[in-house]
N, C-alpha and C. Protein backbone atom coordinates (compact mmCIF):
# COMPACT_ATOMS: atom_id res chain seq x y z
N UNK A 1 17.01 58.77 -10.88
CA UNK A 1 15.66 58.57 -10.80
C UNK A 1 14.96 59.83 -10.19
N UNK A 2 15.55 60.36 -9.14
CA UNK A 2 14.99 61.54 -8.49
C UNK A 2 15.04 62.77 -9.43
N UNK A 3 16.07 62.87 -10.17
CA UNK A 3 16.14 64.01 -11.07
C UNK A 3 15.08 63.95 -12.17
N UNK A 4 14.87 62.66 -12.64
CA UNK A 4 13.84 62.55 -13.64
C UNK A 4 12.40 62.87 -13.12
N UNK A 5 12.17 62.43 -11.86
CA UNK A 5 10.90 62.71 -11.19
C UNK A 5 10.68 64.23 -11.01
N UNK A 6 11.66 64.88 -10.50
CA UNK A 6 11.59 66.32 -10.35
C UNK A 6 11.41 67.10 -11.68
N UNK A 7 12.05 66.58 -12.74
CA UNK A 7 11.96 67.26 -14.06
C UNK A 7 10.59 66.95 -14.70
N UNK A 8 9.86 65.87 -14.27
CA UNK A 8 8.60 65.54 -14.93
C UNK A 8 7.45 65.49 -13.91
N UNK A 9 7.53 66.21 -12.80
CA UNK A 9 6.55 66.13 -11.69
C UNK A 9 5.16 66.63 -12.23
N UNK A 10 5.15 67.65 -13.09
CA UNK A 10 3.85 68.08 -13.69
C UNK A 10 3.12 67.01 -14.49
N UNK A 11 3.89 66.33 -15.30
CA UNK A 11 3.36 65.26 -16.15
C UNK A 11 2.88 64.11 -15.31
N UNK A 12 3.65 63.79 -14.28
CA UNK A 12 3.29 62.66 -13.43
C UNK A 12 2.01 62.97 -12.66
N UNK A 13 1.85 64.18 -12.14
CA UNK A 13 0.68 64.52 -11.34
C UNK A 13 -0.60 64.56 -12.24
N UNK A 14 -0.44 65.11 -13.39
CA UNK A 14 -1.58 65.25 -14.32
C UNK A 14 -2.02 63.81 -14.74
N UNK A 15 -1.02 62.93 -14.99
CA UNK A 15 -1.36 61.56 -15.40
C UNK A 15 -2.09 60.87 -14.25
N UNK A 16 -1.55 60.96 -13.06
CA UNK A 16 -2.25 60.35 -11.89
C UNK A 16 -3.67 60.86 -11.68
N UNK A 17 -3.80 62.14 -11.86
CA UNK A 17 -5.17 62.79 -11.74
C UNK A 17 -6.16 62.25 -12.84
N UNK A 18 -5.66 62.13 -14.05
CA UNK A 18 -6.51 61.60 -15.14
C UNK A 18 -6.81 60.10 -14.88
N UNK A 19 -5.89 59.36 -14.40
CA UNK A 19 -6.14 57.87 -14.11
C UNK A 19 -7.18 57.82 -13.06
N UNK A 20 -7.10 58.63 -12.01
CA UNK A 20 -8.11 58.65 -10.92
C UNK A 20 -9.49 59.00 -11.38
N UNK A 21 -9.56 59.93 -12.26
CA UNK A 21 -10.90 60.34 -12.88
C UNK A 21 -11.50 59.08 -13.68
N UNK A 22 -10.67 58.52 -14.43
CA UNK A 22 -11.11 57.32 -15.26
C UNK A 22 -11.61 56.17 -14.28
N UNK A 23 -10.86 55.92 -13.25
CA UNK A 23 -11.23 54.90 -12.30
C UNK A 23 -12.55 55.26 -11.61
N UNK A 24 -12.71 56.44 -11.24
CA UNK A 24 -14.02 56.87 -10.55
C UNK A 24 -15.15 56.76 -11.55
N UNK A 25 -15.00 57.08 -12.78
CA UNK A 25 -16.03 56.95 -13.81
C UNK A 25 -16.46 55.47 -14.04
N UNK A 26 -15.40 54.65 -14.13
CA UNK A 26 -15.69 53.16 -14.34
C UNK A 26 -16.35 52.56 -13.12
N UNK A 27 -15.99 52.90 -11.94
CA UNK A 27 -16.62 52.44 -10.72
C UNK A 27 -18.07 52.91 -10.68
N UNK A 28 -18.36 54.16 -11.04
CA UNK A 28 -19.69 54.67 -11.05
C UNK A 28 -20.59 53.94 -12.04
N UNK A 29 -20.06 53.70 -13.25
CA UNK A 29 -20.79 52.99 -14.29
C UNK A 29 -21.10 51.54 -13.86
N UNK A 30 -20.14 50.87 -13.23
CA UNK A 30 -20.37 49.56 -12.77
C UNK A 30 -21.43 49.48 -11.65
N UNK A 31 -21.44 50.43 -10.75
CA UNK A 31 -22.45 50.52 -9.66
C UNK A 31 -23.84 50.72 -10.29
N UNK A 32 -23.91 51.70 -11.24
CA UNK A 32 -25.16 52.00 -11.89
C UNK A 32 -25.71 50.78 -12.65
N UNK A 33 -24.84 50.06 -13.27
CA UNK A 33 -25.22 48.82 -14.07
C UNK A 33 -25.77 47.77 -13.10
N UNK A 34 -25.19 47.57 -11.97
CA UNK A 34 -25.64 46.60 -11.00
C UNK A 34 -27.01 47.04 -10.39
N UNK A 35 -27.21 48.29 -10.27
CA UNK A 35 -28.47 48.83 -9.74
C UNK A 35 -29.56 48.86 -10.77
N UNK A 36 -29.22 48.73 -12.04
CA UNK A 36 -30.10 48.76 -13.11
C UNK A 36 -30.43 50.17 -13.60
N UNK A 37 -29.59 51.08 -13.23
CA UNK A 37 -29.79 52.50 -13.58
C UNK A 37 -29.18 52.63 -14.98
N UNK A 38 -29.92 53.44 -15.81
CA UNK A 38 -29.46 53.62 -17.24
C UNK A 38 -29.43 55.13 -17.54
N UNK A 39 -28.61 55.44 -18.49
CA UNK A 39 -28.52 56.86 -18.91
C UNK A 39 -29.64 57.11 -20.04
N UNK A 40 -30.45 56.15 -20.25
CA UNK A 40 -31.51 56.26 -21.24
C UNK A 40 -32.48 57.47 -20.88
N UNK A 41 -32.91 58.25 -21.85
CA UNK A 41 -33.81 59.29 -21.57
C UNK A 41 -35.26 58.87 -21.42
N UNK A 42 -35.57 57.62 -21.84
CA UNK A 42 -36.91 57.11 -21.61
C UNK A 42 -37.88 57.32 -22.78
N UNK A 43 -37.48 58.07 -23.79
CA UNK A 43 -38.31 58.36 -24.95
C UNK A 43 -38.12 57.26 -26.01
N UNK A 44 -38.76 56.14 -25.85
CA UNK A 44 -38.52 55.01 -26.71
C UNK A 44 -39.14 55.14 -28.15
N UNK A 45 -40.07 56.11 -28.29
CA UNK A 45 -40.72 56.25 -29.56
C UNK A 45 -39.71 56.56 -30.74
N UNK A 46 -38.66 57.22 -30.36
CA UNK A 46 -37.68 57.58 -31.40
C UNK A 46 -36.44 56.85 -31.35
N UNK A 47 -36.36 55.72 -30.57
CA UNK A 47 -35.16 54.98 -30.40
C UNK A 47 -35.25 53.72 -31.25
N UNK A 48 -34.07 53.46 -31.89
CA UNK A 48 -33.96 52.25 -32.69
C UNK A 48 -33.90 50.95 -31.84
N UNK A 49 -33.48 51.08 -30.61
CA UNK A 49 -33.39 49.90 -29.72
C UNK A 49 -34.54 49.82 -28.79
N UNK A 50 -35.62 50.38 -29.06
CA UNK A 50 -36.79 50.40 -28.12
C UNK A 50 -37.34 49.02 -27.71
N UNK A 51 -37.19 48.08 -28.65
CA UNK A 51 -37.72 46.70 -28.29
C UNK A 51 -36.74 45.97 -27.40
N UNK A 52 -35.54 46.28 -27.36
CA UNK A 52 -34.58 45.55 -26.58
C UNK A 52 -34.18 46.20 -25.30
N UNK A 53 -34.36 47.48 -25.19
CA UNK A 53 -33.85 48.26 -24.03
C UNK A 53 -34.60 48.00 -22.75
N UNK A 54 -35.92 48.22 -22.76
CA UNK A 54 -36.71 48.10 -21.59
C UNK A 54 -37.61 46.86 -21.64
N UNK A 55 -37.73 46.24 -20.43
CA UNK A 55 -38.57 45.05 -20.32
C UNK A 55 -40.04 45.49 -20.25
N UNK A 56 -40.98 44.74 -20.86
CA UNK A 56 -42.36 44.99 -20.83
C UNK A 56 -42.89 44.56 -19.40
N UNK A 57 -43.62 45.37 -18.72
CA UNK A 57 -44.15 45.03 -17.38
C UNK A 57 -45.57 44.70 -17.50
């Protein structure tokens, strides 16, 4: 097991790094969703979803 780990340490580290990035992105998206923050640019005139995206105030 130790010899396999030493032979593949680069792959293991890169995989752990990429998993950490994905987890951070998912956590950020979930926090933004709970806060009501959107990545929408706000220009509803040219958007096909303009009637369903924003609530009328």
